[in-house]
Amino acid sequence: MYRLLQTLAAVVAIIALPWLGGSYVDFILCTIAAYFIVALALNILVAQAGQVSIGHAAFWALGAYGSAILVTKVGFPFLLGVIAGGVIAGLFGLLVAIPALRVQGHYLAIATLAFALVIEQVLHEWEGLTGGRTGMFVPRPSFFGAELLADQYYYYVIVAVGALFAWAAHNLKRFPSGRALMALRLSPTAAQCCGISRSRSLITAFVLSAFLTGISGALYAHLVGYLSVSTFTLTASLSFLTMIVIGGLGRLSGAVLGAAFLALAPELMRDMGEAQMVVYGVILVVVMLTLPGGLASLPERVASLFARPQPRPVPAGTPAAGKEA
């Protein structure tokens, strides 16, 4: 009953939030919803599969530019363009996953970093397709010819997509593919001895993560209305990793809190200039030292502080046990 009330309260809050502020608040809420999808994608790869990627800004860019190009230059409708952006990012995720199967740990992180740098350079130099240094404009989202000019209504579209992916990511743990990923993360040797294919499982994780990130990038492109390569740099990839660590790895609430932090922190620290990254680093270190489970574990830590300590059981046969008897 308590969990049901929590769910109902969360649904009411999600629906009511856009009506409590102006257009600026609506834009921030849309940004949080888009980041939330990226957090779900990274949780699949990092929390479930145990792999590290510092190149997810490339998948985000591929989804954004892929959808924008197909909608503006090919004439795709908005929804089809968003799905196509996710598919494009997923295909590149497959291309990254296949050679990445030979490396692990920090070598894999370096490989994903190299991929992100290549994509960034290609987008920067291919002016005829992406606009290069000048960037490109992206039309507003539209349904059946009607444009969503207000972010207030676009927010519900992104939230609906995020809710669908959150449900899918939550149920992934119950399917054989999700259990195989968790088994490989806990003990790759034991999992492979049980017949789990490491290559197939990791490719699945990379493709799914890249697809979700591409969908988020496509939705974000139609939100901001303008794409620049400077948005999809290494800083964005590191910010995504910071987001899931600060929010809480593997938790739905952690994805929400991490996305909110990533969207609100630059607004609150706007006057700090380049010192923002220093503050990000300090916050990350503090959270990792004091809250290893992220902000999502804060209620549990607070509850444990006020919980009464349980008396330790006295082993049978000791003098204390004899006195109690």
C-alpha atoms as a PDB file:
ATOM      1  CA  MET A   1       0.000   0.000   0.000  1.00  0.00           C
ATOM      2  CA  TYR A   2       2.837   2.397   0.876  1.00  0.00           C
ATOM      3  CA  ARG A   3       4.586   1.704  -2.438  1.00  0.00           C
ATOM      4  CA  LEU A   4       1.316   2.319  -4.309  1.00  0.00           C
ATOM      5  CA  LEU A   5       0.893   5.685  -2.596  1.00  0.00           C
ATOM      6  CA  GLN A   6       4.487   6.576  -3.482  1.00  0.00           C
ATOM      7  CA  THR A   7       3.848   5.717  -7.124  1.00  0.00           C
ATOM      8  CA  LEU A   8       0.647   7.758  -7.245  1.00  0.00           C
ATOM      9  CA  ALA A   9       2.373  10.740  -5.631  1.00  0.00           C
ATOM     10  CA  ALA A  10       5.217  10.529  -8.154  1.00  0.00           C
ATOM     11  CA  VAL A  11       2.769  10.376 -11.084  1.00  0.00           C
ATOM     12  CA  VAL A  12       0.818  13.385  -9.785  1.00  0.00           C
ATOM     13  CA  ALA A  13       4.051  15.351  -9.294  1.00  0.00           C
ATOM     14  CA  ILE A  14       5.273  14.518 -12.797  1.00  0.00           C
ATOM     15  CA  ILE A  15       1.997  15.657 -14.335  1.00  0.00           C
ATOM     16  CA  ALA A  16       1.707  18.817 -12.242  1.00  0.00           C
ATOM     17  CA  LEU A  17       5.290  20.110 -12.461  1.00  0.00           C
ATOM     18  CA  PRO A  18       4.979  21.881 -15.856  1.00  0.00           C
ATOM     19  CA  TRP A  19       2.027  23.897 -14.561  1.00  0.00           C
ATOM     20  CA  LEU A  20       3.950  25.309 -11.596  1.00  0.00           C
ATOM     21  CA  GLY A  21       6.431  27.445 -13.563  1.00  0.00           C
ATOM     22  CA  GLY A  22       6.999  29.276 -16.797  1.00  0.00           C
ATOM     23  CA  SER A  23       8.646  28.369 -20.095  1.00  0.00           C
ATOM     24  CA  TYR A  24      12.116  28.311 -18.516  1.00  0.00           C
ATOM     25  CA  VAL A  25      11.004  25.704 -15.974  1.00  0.00           C
ATOM     26  CA  ASP A  26       9.394  23.681 -18.766  1.00  0.00           C
ATOM     27  CA  PHE A  27      12.683  23.640 -20.695  1.00  0.00           C
ATOM     28  CA  ILE A  28      14.595  22.450 -17.629  1.00  0.00           C
ATOM     29  CA  LEU A  29      12.031  19.698 -17.024  1.00  0.00           C
ATOM     30  CA  CYS A  30      12.348  18.547 -20.642  1.00  0.00           C
ATOM     31  CA  THR A  31      16.127  18.485 -20.257  1.00  0.00           C
ATOM     32  CA  ILE A  32      15.845  16.394 -17.087  1.00  0.00           C
ATOM     33  CA  ALA A  33      13.563  13.929 -18.889  1.00  0.00           C
ATOM     34  CA  ALA A  34      16.034  13.628 -21.789  1.00  0.00           C
ATOM     35  CA  TYR A  35      18.973  13.090 -19.411  1.00  0.00           C
ATOM     36  CA  PHE A  36      16.926  10.473 -17.564  1.00  0.00           C
ATOM     37  CA  ILE A  37      16.856   8.318 -20.705  1.00  0.00           C
ATOM     38  CA  VAL A  38      20.655   8.596 -20.968  1.00  0.00           C
ATOM     39  CA  ALA A  39      20.922   7.526 -17.318  1.00  0.00           C
ATOM     40  CA  LEU A  40      18.803   4.453 -18.074  1.00  0.00           C
ATOM     41  CA  ALA A  41      21.071   3.632 -21.005  1.00  0.00           C
ATOM     42  CA  LEU A  42      24.260   3.925 -18.957  1.00  0.00           C
ATOM     43  CA  ASN A  43      22.772   1.879 -16.119  1.00  0.00           C
ATOM     44  CA  ILE A  44      22.259  -0.992 -18.566  1.00  0.00           C
ATOM     45  CA  LEU A  45      25.882  -0.833 -19.653  1.00  0.00           C
ATOM     46  CA  VAL A  46      27.596   0.068 -16.380  1.00  0.00           C
ATOM     47  CA  ALA A  47      25.384  -1.249 -13.573  1.00  0.00           C
ATOM     48  CA  GLN A  48      24.113  -4.427 -15.257  1.00  0.00           C
ATOM     49  CA  ALA A  49      26.875  -5.321 -17.724  1.00  0.00           C
ATOM     50  CA  GLY A  50      29.759  -3.923 -15.675  1.00  0.00           C
ATOM     51  CA  GLN A  51      31.323  -2.095 -18.661  1.00  0.00           C
ATOM     52  CA  VAL A  52      32.615   1.481 -18.694  1.00  0.00           C
ATOM     53  CA  SER A  53      32.066   3.924 -21.538  1.00  0.00           C
ATOM     54  CA  ILE A  54      33.296   7.487 -21.670  1.00  0.00           C
ATOM     55  CA  GLY A  55      32.114   7.979 -25.243  1.00  0.00           C
ATOM     56  CA  HIS A  56      28.341   8.068 -24.857  1.00  0.00           C
ATOM     57  CA  ALA A  57      28.227  11.676 -26.014  1.00  0.00           C
ATOM     58  CA  ALA A  58      28.994  10.247 -29.482  1.00  0.00           C
ATOM     59  CA  PHE A  59      25.838   8.085 -29.437  1.00  0.00           C
ATOM     60  CA  TRP A  60      23.913  11.092 -28.153  1.00  0.00           C
ATOM     61  CA  ALA A  61      25.244  13.160 -31.064  1.00  0.00           C
ATOM     62  CA  LEU A  62      24.501  10.434 -33.615  1.00  0.00           C
ATOM     63  CA  GLY A  63      20.893  10.262 -32.466  1.00  0.00           C
ATOM     64  CA  ALA A  64      20.543  14.039 -32.474  1.00  0.00           C
ATOM     65  CA  TYR A  65      22.151  14.678 -35.857  1.00  0.00           C
ATOM     66  CA  GLY A  66      20.634  11.558 -37.402  1.00  0.00           C
ATOM     67  CA  SER A  67      17.095  12.607 -36.508  1.00  0.00           C
ATOM     68  CA  ALA A  68      17.700  16.255 -37.445  1.00  0.00           C
ATOM     69  CA  ILE A  69      19.143  15.398 -40.878  1.00  0.00           C
ATOM     70  CA  LEU A  70      16.406  12.897 -41.702  1.00  0.00           C
ATOM     71  CA  VAL A  71      13.650  15.306 -40.673  1.00  0.00           C
ATOM     72  CA  THR A  72      15.047  18.459 -42.308  1.00  0.00           C
ATOM     73  CA  LYS A  73      16.709  17.063 -45.452  1.00  0.00           C
ATOM     74  CA  VAL A  74      14.872  13.809 -46.163  1.00  0.00           C
ATOM     75  CA  GLY A  75      11.409  14.744 -44.926  1.00  0.00           C
ATOM     76  CA  PHE A  76      10.910  12.115 -42.243  1.00  0.00           C
ATOM     77  CA  PRO A  77       8.077  12.784 -39.771  1.00  0.00           C
ATOM     78  CA  PHE A  78       9.118  13.618 -36.225  1.00  0.00           C
ATOM     79  CA  LEU A  79       8.434  10.241 -34.595  1.00  0.00           C
ATOM     80  CA  LEU A  80      10.052   8.274 -37.404  1.00  0.00           C
ATOM     81  CA  GLY A  81      13.058  10.580 -37.289  1.00  0.00           C
ATOM     82  CA  VAL A  82      13.474  10.018 -33.540  1.00  0.00           C
ATOM     83  CA  ILE A  83      13.286   6.243 -33.939  1.00  0.00           C
ATOM     84  CA  ALA A  84      15.731   6.383 -36.852  1.00  0.00           C
ATOM     85  CA  GLY A  85      18.138   8.431 -34.740  1.00  0.00           C
ATOM     86  CA  GLY A  86      18.055   5.709 -32.098  1.00  0.00           C
ATOM     87  CA  VAL A  87      18.600   3.000 -34.714  1.00  0.00           C
ATOM     88  CA  ILE A  88      21.591   4.862 -36.159  1.00  0.00           C
ATOM     89  CA  ALA A  89      23.148   5.167 -32.702  1.00  0.00           C
ATOM     90  CA  GLY A  90      22.399   1.478 -32.051  1.00  0.00           C
ATOM     91  CA  LEU A  91      24.164   0.433 -35.259  1.00  0.00           C
ATOM     92  CA  PHE A  92      27.236   2.406 -34.275  1.00  0.00           C
ATOM     93  CA  GLY A  93      26.975   0.811 -30.834  1.00  0.00           C
ATOM     94  CA  LEU A  94      27.248  -2.548 -32.593  1.00  0.00           C
ATOM     95  CA  LEU A  95      30.315  -1.359 -34.491  1.00  0.00           C
ATOM     96  CA  VAL A  96      31.943  -0.265 -31.219  1.00  0.00           C
ATOM     97  CA  ALA A  97      30.978  -3.415 -29.320  1.00  0.00           C
ATOM     98  CA  ILE A  98      32.510  -5.924 -31.724  1.00  0.00           C
ATOM     99  CA  PRO A  99      36.146  -4.718 -31.443  1.00  0.00           C
ATOM    100  CA  ALA A 100      35.587  -3.763 -27.807  1.00  0.00           C
ATOM    101  CA  LEU A 101      35.029  -7.438 -26.940  1.00  0.00           C
ATOM    102  CA  ARG A 102      38.789  -7.924 -26.979  1.00  0.00           C
ATOM    103  CA  VAL A 103      39.450  -5.345 -24.268  1.00  0.00           C
ATOM    104  CA  GLN A 104      38.125  -4.696 -20.775  1.00  0.00           C
ATOM    105  CA  GLY A 105      38.345  -2.126 -18.005  1.00  0.00           C
ATOM    106  CA  HIS A 106      40.270   1.044 -18.721  1.00  0.00           C
ATOM    107  CA  TYR A 107      41.263  -0.247 -22.167  1.00  0.00           C
ATOM    108  CA  LEU A 108      37.578  -0.354 -23.093  1.00  0.00           C
ATOM    109  CA  ALA A 109      37.124   3.165 -21.709  1.00  0.00           C
ATOM    110  CA  ILE A 110      39.997   4.383 -23.915  1.00  0.00           C
ATOM    111  CA  ALA A 111      38.444   2.648 -26.945  1.00  0.00           C
ATOM    112  CA  THR A 112      35.080   4.367 -26.391  1.00  0.00           C
ATOM    113  CA  LEU A 113      36.888   7.671 -25.871  1.00  0.00           C
ATOM    114  CA  ALA A 114      38.650   7.264 -29.223  1.00  0.00           C
ATOM    115  CA  PHE A 115      35.313   6.534 -30.895  1.00  0.00           C
ATOM    116  CA  ALA A 116      33.780   9.682 -29.383  1.00  0.00           C
ATOM    117  CA  LEU A 117      36.685  11.830 -30.587  1.00  0.00           C
ATOM    118  CA  VAL A 118      36.377  10.434 -34.119  1.00  0.00           C
ATOM    119  CA  ILE A 119      32.624  11.111 -34.250  1.00  0.00           C
ATOM    120  CA  GLU A 120      33.130  14.623 -32.899  1.00  0.00           C
ATOM    121  CA  GLN A 121      35.744  15.385 -35.558  1.00  0.00           C
ATOM    122  CA  VAL A 122      33.600  13.974 -38.375  1.00  0.00           C
ATOM    123  CA  LEU A 123      30.587  16.037 -37.313  1.00  0.00           C
ATOM    124  CA  HIS A 124      32.804  19.084 -37.090  1.00  0.00           C
ATOM    125  CA  GLU A 125      34.347  18.706 -40.554  1.00  0.00           C
ATOM    126  CA  TRP A 126      31.371  17.404 -42.570  1.00  0.00           C
ATOM    127  CA  GLU A 127      29.853  20.837 -43.132  1.00  0.00           C
ATOM    128  CA  GLY A 128      27.655  19.804 -46.044  1.00  0.00           C
ATOM    129  CA  LEU A 129      25.717  17.347 -43.887  1.00  0.00           C
ATOM    130  CA  THR A 130      25.937  18.593 -40.306  1.00  0.00           C
ATOM    131  CA  GLY A 131      26.634  22.283 -40.760  1.00  0.00           C
ATOM    132  CA  GLY A 132      30.098  21.860 -39.238  1.00  0.00           C
ATOM    133  CA  ARG A 133      31.229  24.889 -37.260  1.00  0.00           C
ATOM    134  CA  THR A 134      28.039  26.830 -37.926  1.00  0.00           C
ATOM    135  CA  GLY A 135      25.755  24.044 -36.702  1.00  0.00           C
ATOM    136  CA  MET A 136      22.255  23.311 -37.961  1.00  0.00           C
ATOM    137  CA  PHE A 137      18.730  24.267 -37.030  1.00  0.00           C
ATOM    138  CA  VAL A 138      16.223  21.608 -36.021  1.00  0.00           C
ATOM    139  CA  PRO A 139      12.451  22.034 -36.422  1.00  0.00           C
ATOM    140  CA  ARG A 140      10.075  21.791 -33.506  1.00  0.00           C
ATOM    141  CA  PRO A 141       8.447  18.392 -32.884  1.00  0.00           C
ATOM    142  CA  SER A 142       5.212  17.911 -34.764  1.00  0.00           C
ATOM    143  CA  PHE A 143       2.422  15.343 -34.778  1.00  0.00           C
ATOM    144  CA  PHE A 144       0.281  14.954 -37.916  1.00  0.00           C
ATOM    145  CA  GLY A 145       1.347  18.394 -39.119  1.00  0.00           C
ATOM    146  CA  ALA A 146       0.711  20.207 -35.814  1.00  0.00           C
ATOM    147  CA  GLU A 147       3.853  21.619 -34.158  1.00  0.00           C
ATOM    148  CA  LEU A 148       4.376  21.487 -30.396  1.00  0.00           C
ATOM    149  CA  LEU A 149       5.475  25.070 -29.922  1.00  0.00           C
ATOM    150  CA  ALA A 150       5.335  24.927 -26.121  1.00  0.00           C
ATOM    151  CA  ASP A 151       7.868  22.902 -24.126  1.00  0.00           C
ATOM    152  CA  GLN A 152       5.092  22.278 -21.623  1.00  0.00           C
ATOM    153  CA  TYR A 153       3.462  19.751 -23.965  1.00  0.00           C
ATOM    154  CA  TYR A 154       6.711  18.374 -25.360  1.00  0.00           C
ATOM    155  CA  TYR A 155       7.656  17.518 -21.782  1.00  0.00           C
ATOM    156  CA  TYR A 156       4.862  14.945 -21.636  1.00  0.00           C
ATOM    157  CA  VAL A 157       6.123  13.361 -24.860  1.00  0.00           C
ATOM    158  CA  ILE A 158       9.643  12.916 -23.475  1.00  0.00           C
ATOM    159  CA  VAL A 159       8.293  11.686 -20.130  1.00  0.00           C
ATOM    160  CA  ALA A 160       6.111   9.109 -21.895  1.00  0.00           C
ATOM    161  CA  VAL A 161       9.121   7.823 -23.847  1.00  0.00           C
ATOM    162  CA  GLY A 162      11.227   7.783 -20.672  1.00  0.00           C
ATOM    163  CA  ALA A 163       8.518   5.895 -18.756  1.00  0.00           C
ATOM    164  CA  LEU A 164       8.326   3.277 -21.507  1.00  0.00           C
ATOM    165  CA  PHE A 165      12.086   2.755 -21.458  1.00  0.00           C
ATOM    166  CA  ALA A 166      12.151   2.725 -17.643  1.00  0.00           C
ATOM    167  CA  TRP A 167       9.584  -0.070 -17.644  1.00  0.00           C
ATOM    168  CA  ALA A 168      11.598  -1.977 -20.256  1.00  0.00           C
ATOM    169  CA  ALA A 169      14.891  -1.490 -18.372  1.00  0.00           C
ATOM    170  CA  HIS A 170      13.295  -2.609 -15.110  1.00  0.00           C
ATOM    171  CA  ASN A 171      11.912  -5.778 -16.692  1.00  0.00           C
ATOM    172  CA  LEU A 172      15.182  -6.496 -18.480  1.00  0.00           C
ATOM    173  CA  LYS A 173      16.539  -7.878 -15.210  1.00  0.00           C
ATOM    174  CA  ARG A 174      13.853 -10.562 -15.271  1.00  0.00           C
ATOM    175  CA  PHE A 175      14.632 -11.777 -18.789  1.00  0.00           C
ATOM    176  CA  PRO A 176      17.437 -14.253 -19.554  1.00  0.00           C
ATOM    177  CA  SER A 177      19.468 -11.574 -21.350  1.00  0.00           C
ATOM    178  CA  GLY A 178      19.346  -9.290 -18.304  1.00  0.00           C
ATOM    179  CA  ARG A 179      20.279 -12.106 -15.919  1.00  0.00           C
ATOM    180  CA  ALA A 180      23.136 -13.068 -18.219  1.00  0.00           C
ATOM    181  CA  LEU A 181      24.496  -9.515 -18.039  1.00  0.00           C
ATOM    182  CA  MET A 182      24.362  -9.534 -14.240  1.00  0.00           C
ATOM    183  CA  ALA A 183      26.041 -12.946 -14.099  1.00  0.00           C
ATOM    184  CA  LEU A 184      28.854 -11.740 -16.359  1.00  0.00           C
ATOM    185  CA  ARG A 185      29.328  -8.669 -14.180  1.00  0.00           C
ATOM    186  CA  LEU A 186      29.583 -10.734 -10.985  1.00  0.00           C
ATOM    187  CA  SER A 187      31.795 -13.522 -12.351  1.00  0.00           C
ATOM    188  CA  PRO A 188      32.600 -13.727 -16.074  1.00  0.00           C
ATOM    189  CA  THR A 189      34.345 -17.083 -15.720  1.00  0.00           C
ATOM    190  CA  ALA A 190      31.495 -18.727 -13.826  1.00  0.00           C
ATOM    191  CA  ALA A 191      28.908 -17.271 -16.211  1.00  0.00           C
ATOM    192  CA  GLN A 192      30.709 -18.593 -19.282  1.00  0.00           C
ATOM    193  CA  CYS A 193      31.075 -21.992 -17.630  1.00  0.00           C
ATOM    194  CA  CYS A 194      27.273 -22.025 -17.307  1.00  0.00           C
ATOM    195  CA  GLY A 195      26.906 -21.498 -21.043  1.00  0.00           C
ATOM    196  CA  ILE A 196      26.428 -17.721 -21.159  1.00  0.00           C
ATOM    197  CA  SER A 197      27.931 -16.121 -24.251  1.00  0.00           C
ATOM    198  CA  ARG A 198      29.994 -13.127 -23.169  1.00  0.00           C
ATOM    199  CA  SER A 199      30.231 -11.652 -26.671  1.00  0.00           C
ATOM    200  CA  ARG A 200      26.496 -11.852 -27.387  1.00  0.00           C
ATOM    201  CA  SER A 201      25.560 -10.415 -23.994  1.00  0.00           C
ATOM    202  CA  LEU A 202      27.972  -7.491 -24.207  1.00  0.00           C
ATOM    203  CA  ILE A 203      26.926  -6.691 -27.763  1.00  0.00           C
ATOM    204  CA  THR A 204      23.304  -6.643 -26.597  1.00  0.00           C
ATOM    205  CA  ALA A 205      24.188  -4.276 -23.755  1.00  0.00           C
ATOM    206  CA  PHE A 206      26.122  -1.911 -26.044  1.00  0.00           C
ATOM    207  CA  VAL A 207      23.418  -1.834 -28.705  1.00  0.00           C
ATOM    208  CA  LEU A 208      20.590  -1.258 -26.215  1.00  0.00           C
ATOM    209  CA  SER A 209      22.540   1.441 -24.394  1.00  0.00           C
ATOM    210  CA  ALA A 210      23.478   3.199 -27.629  1.00  0.00           C
ATOM    211  CA  PHE A 211      19.890   2.976 -28.925  1.00  0.00           C
ATOM    212  CA  LEU A 212      18.412   4.581 -25.803  1.00  0.00           C
ATOM    213  CA  THR A 213      21.093   7.275 -25.830  1.00  0.00           C
ATOM    214  CA  GLY A 214      20.361   7.989 -29.491  1.00  0.00           C
ATOM    215  CA  ILE A 215      16.638   8.342 -28.756  1.00  0.00           C
ATOM    216  CA  SER A 216      17.486  10.820 -26.003  1.00  0.00           C
ATOM    217  CA  GLY A 217      19.743  12.776 -28.363  1.00  0.00           C
ATOM    218  CA  ALA A 218      17.009  12.943 -31.002  1.00  0.00           C
ATOM    219  CA  LEU A 219      14.441  14.199 -28.487  1.00  0.00           C
ATOM    220  CA  TYR A 220      16.938  16.734 -27.155  1.00  0.00           C
ATOM    221  CA  ALA A 221      17.717  18.010 -30.667  1.00  0.00           C
ATOM    222  CA  HIS A 222      14.075  18.881 -31.308  1.00  0.00           C
ATOM    223  CA  LEU A 223      13.898  20.492 -27.885  1.00  0.00           C
ATOM    224  CA  VAL A 224      16.789  22.949 -28.259  1.00  0.00           C
ATOM    225  CA  GLY A 225      16.156  23.611 -31.960  1.00  0.00           C
ATOM    226  CA  TYR A 226      19.843  24.056 -32.798  1.00  0.00           C
ATOM    227  CA  LEU A 227      22.752  21.605 -32.862  1.00  0.00           C
ATOM    228  CA  SER A 228      26.407  22.450 -32.365  1.00  0.00           C
ATOM    229  CA  VAL A 229      29.316  20.032 -32.139  1.00  0.00           C
ATOM    230  CA  SER A 230      30.422  21.774 -28.928  1.00  0.00           C
ATOM    231  CA  THR A 231      27.443  20.196 -27.160  1.00  0.00           C
ATOM    232  CA  PHE A 232      28.706  16.647 -27.737  1.00  0.00           C
ATOM    233  CA  THR A 233      32.277  16.794 -26.459  1.00  0.00           C
ATOM    234  CA  LEU A 234      34.191  14.703 -23.934  1.00  0.00           C
ATOM    235  CA  THR A 235      32.770  16.941 -21.212  1.00  0.00           C
ATOM    236  CA  ALA A 236      29.282  15.649 -22.000  1.00  0.00           C
ATOM    237  CA  SER A 237      30.432  12.013 -21.726  1.00  0.00           C
ATOM    238  CA  LEU A 238      32.091  12.651 -18.364  1.00  0.00           C
ATOM    239  CA  SER A 239      29.001  14.518 -17.178  1.00  0.00           C
ATOM    240  CA  PHE A 240      26.867  11.493 -18.056  1.00  0.00           C
ATOM    241  CA  LEU A 241      29.086   9.219 -15.961  1.00  0.00           C
ATOM    242  CA  THR A 242      28.999  11.728 -13.120  1.00  0.00           C
ATOM    243  CA  MET A 243      25.208  11.777 -13.383  1.00  0.00           C
ATOM    244  CA  ILE A 244      24.707   8.060 -12.766  1.00  0.00           C
ATOM    245  CA  VAL A 245      27.330   7.899  -9.998  1.00  0.00           C
ATOM    246  CA  ILE A 246      25.879  10.851  -8.099  1.00  0.00           C
ATOM    247  CA  GLY A 247      22.316   9.670  -8.619  1.00  0.00           C
ATOM    248  CA  GLY A 248      22.953   6.036  -7.743  1.00  0.00           C
ATOM    249  CA  LEU A 249      23.984   3.162 -10.002  1.00  0.00           C
ATOM    250  CA  GLY A 250      21.304   0.682 -10.972  1.00  0.00           C
ATOM    251  CA  ARG A 251      18.404   2.545  -9.333  1.00  0.00           C
ATOM    252  CA  LEU A 252      15.458   4.139 -11.080  1.00  0.00           C
ATOM    253  CA  SER A 253      15.312   6.879  -8.454  1.00  0.00           C
ATOM    254  CA  GLY A 254      19.057   7.356  -8.909  1.00  0.00           C
ATOM    255  CA  ALA A 255      18.537   7.963 -12.626  1.00  0.00           C
ATOM    256  CA  VAL A 256      15.946  10.632 -11.841  1.00  0.00           C
ATOM    257  CA  LEU A 257      18.114  12.341  -9.222  1.00  0.00           C
ATOM    258  CA  GLY A 258      21.220  12.174 -11.388  1.00  0.00           C
ATOM    259  CA  ALA A 259      19.376  13.662 -14.363  1.00  0.00           C
ATOM    260  CA  ALA A 260      18.008  16.456 -12.188  1.00  0.00           C
ATOM    261  CA  PHE A 261      21.490  17.173 -10.855  1.00  0.00           C
ATOM    262  CA  LEU A 262      23.013  17.306 -14.347  1.00  0.00           C
ATOM    263  CA  ALA A 263      20.310  19.670 -15.612  1.00  0.00           C
ATOM    264  CA  LEU A 264      20.146  21.960 -12.577  1.00  0.00           C
ATOM    265  CA  ALA A 265      23.833  22.172 -11.597  1.00  0.00           C
ATOM    266  CA  PRO A 266      24.939  24.253 -14.631  1.00  0.00           C
ATOM    267  CA  GLU A 267      22.076  26.672 -13.992  1.00  0.00           C
ATOM    268  CA  LEU A 268      22.999  27.062 -10.323  1.00  0.00           C
ATOM    269  CA  MET A 269      26.719  27.383 -11.073  1.00  0.00           C
ATOM    270  CA  ARG A 270      26.423  29.550 -14.172  1.00  0.00           C
ATOM    271  CA  ASP A 271      28.505  32.373 -12.657  1.00  0.00           C
ATOM    272  CA  MET A 272      31.443  30.069 -11.855  1.00  0.00           C
ATOM    273  CA  GLY A 273      32.633  29.803 -15.438  1.00  0.00           C
ATOM    274  CA  GLU A 274      35.341  27.194 -15.993  1.00  0.00           C
ATOM    275  CA  ALA A 275      35.418  26.401 -12.285  1.00  0.00           C
ATOM    276  CA  GLN A 276      32.247  24.347 -12.786  1.00  0.00           C
ATOM    277  CA  MET A 277      34.254  21.202 -13.603  1.00  0.00           C
ATOM    278  CA  VAL A 278      36.235  21.615 -10.378  1.00  0.00           C
ATOM    279  CA  VAL A 279      32.997  21.818  -8.416  1.00  0.00           C
ATOM    280  CA  TYR A 280      31.687  18.767 -10.283  1.00  0.00           C
ATOM    281  CA  GLY A 281      34.783  16.845  -9.250  1.00  0.00           C
ATOM    282  CA  VAL A 282      34.495  17.886  -5.610  1.00  0.00           C
ATOM    283  CA  ILE A 283      30.812  16.901  -5.494  1.00  0.00           C
ATOM    284  CA  LEU A 284      31.597  13.552  -7.109  1.00  0.00           C
ATOM    285  CA  VAL A 285      34.350  12.779  -4.584  1.00  0.00           C
ATOM    286  CA  VAL A 286      32.174  13.803  -1.630  1.00  0.00           C
ATOM    287  CA  VAL A 287      29.264  11.669  -2.817  1.00  0.00           C
ATOM    288  CA  MET A 288      31.486   8.648  -3.433  1.00  0.00           C
ATOM    289  CA  LEU A 289      33.016   8.942   0.044  1.00  0.00           C
ATOM    290  CA  THR A 290      29.844   9.661   2.011  1.00  0.00           C
ATOM    291  CA  LEU A 291      27.142   8.081  -0.184  1.00  0.00           C
ATOM    292  CA  PRO A 292      28.585   5.156  -2.177  1.00  0.00           C
ATOM    293  CA  GLY A 293      25.050   4.336  -3.307  1.00  0.00           C
ATOM    294  CA  GLY A 294      24.451   7.853  -4.631  1.00  0.00           C
ATOM    295  CA  LEU A 295      21.753  10.326  -3.684  1.00  0.00           C
ATOM    296  CA  ALA A 296      19.170   7.552  -4.024  1.00  0.00           C
ATOM    297  CA  SER A 297      20.634   5.904  -0.904  1.00  0.00           C
ATOM    298  CA  LEU A 298      20.343   9.070   1.205  1.00  0.00           C
ATOM    299  CA  PRO A 299      16.964   8.143   2.797  1.00  0.00           C
ATOM    300  CA  GLU A 300      18.374   4.758   3.828  1.00  0.00           C
ATOM    301  CA  ARG A 301      21.460   6.367   5.371  1.00  0.00           C
ATOM    302  CA  VAL A 302      19.333   8.866   7.279  1.00  0.00           C
ATOM    303  CA  ALA A 303      17.009   6.102   8.504  1.00  0.00           C
ATOM    304  CA  SER A 304      19.992   4.034   9.678  1.00  0.00           C
ATOM    305  CA  LEU A 305      21.232   6.966  11.777  1.00  0.00           C
ATOM    306  CA  PHE A 306      17.981   7.102  13.727  1.00  0.00           C
ATOM    307  CA  ALA A 307      17.433   3.359  13.910  1.00  0.00           C
ATOM    308  CA  ARG A 308      17.888   1.739  17.307  1.00  0.00           C
ATOM    309  CA  PRO A 309      20.903  -0.570  17.455  1.00  0.00           C
ATOM    310  CA  GLN A 310      19.895  -4.209  17.761  1.00  0.00           C
ATOM    311  CA  PRO A 311      21.489  -6.161  20.658  1.00  0.00           C
ATOM    312  CA  ARG A 312      23.961  -8.752  19.561  1.00  0.00           C
ATOM    313  CA  PRO A 313      22.888 -12.357  20.190  1.00  0.00           C
ATOM    314  CA  VAL A 314      24.811 -14.075  22.976  1.00  0.00           C
ATOM    315  CA  PRO A 315      26.260 -17.430  21.899  1.00  0.00           C
ATOM    316  CA  ALA A 316      24.899 -20.422  23.780  1.00  0.00           C
ATOM    317  CA  GLY A 317      27.135 -21.847  26.471  1.00  0.00           C
ATOM    318  CA  THR A 318      28.770 -18.549  27.480  1.00  0.00           C
ATOM    319  CA  PRO A 319      28.583 -17.320  31.081  1.00  0.00           C
ATOM    320  CA  ALA A 320      26.307 -14.474  30.006  1.00  0.00           C
ATOM    321  CA  ALA A 321      23.924 -16.932  28.361  1.00  0.00           C
ATOM    322  CA  GLY A 322      23.940 -19.034  31.534  1.00  0.00           C
ATOM    323  CA  LYS A 323      23.019 -16.056  33.691  1.00  0.00           C
ATOM    324  CA  GLU A 324      20.166 -15.131  31.346  1.00  0.00           C
ATOM    325  CA  ALA A 325      18.908 -18.674  31.489  1.00  0.00           C
END
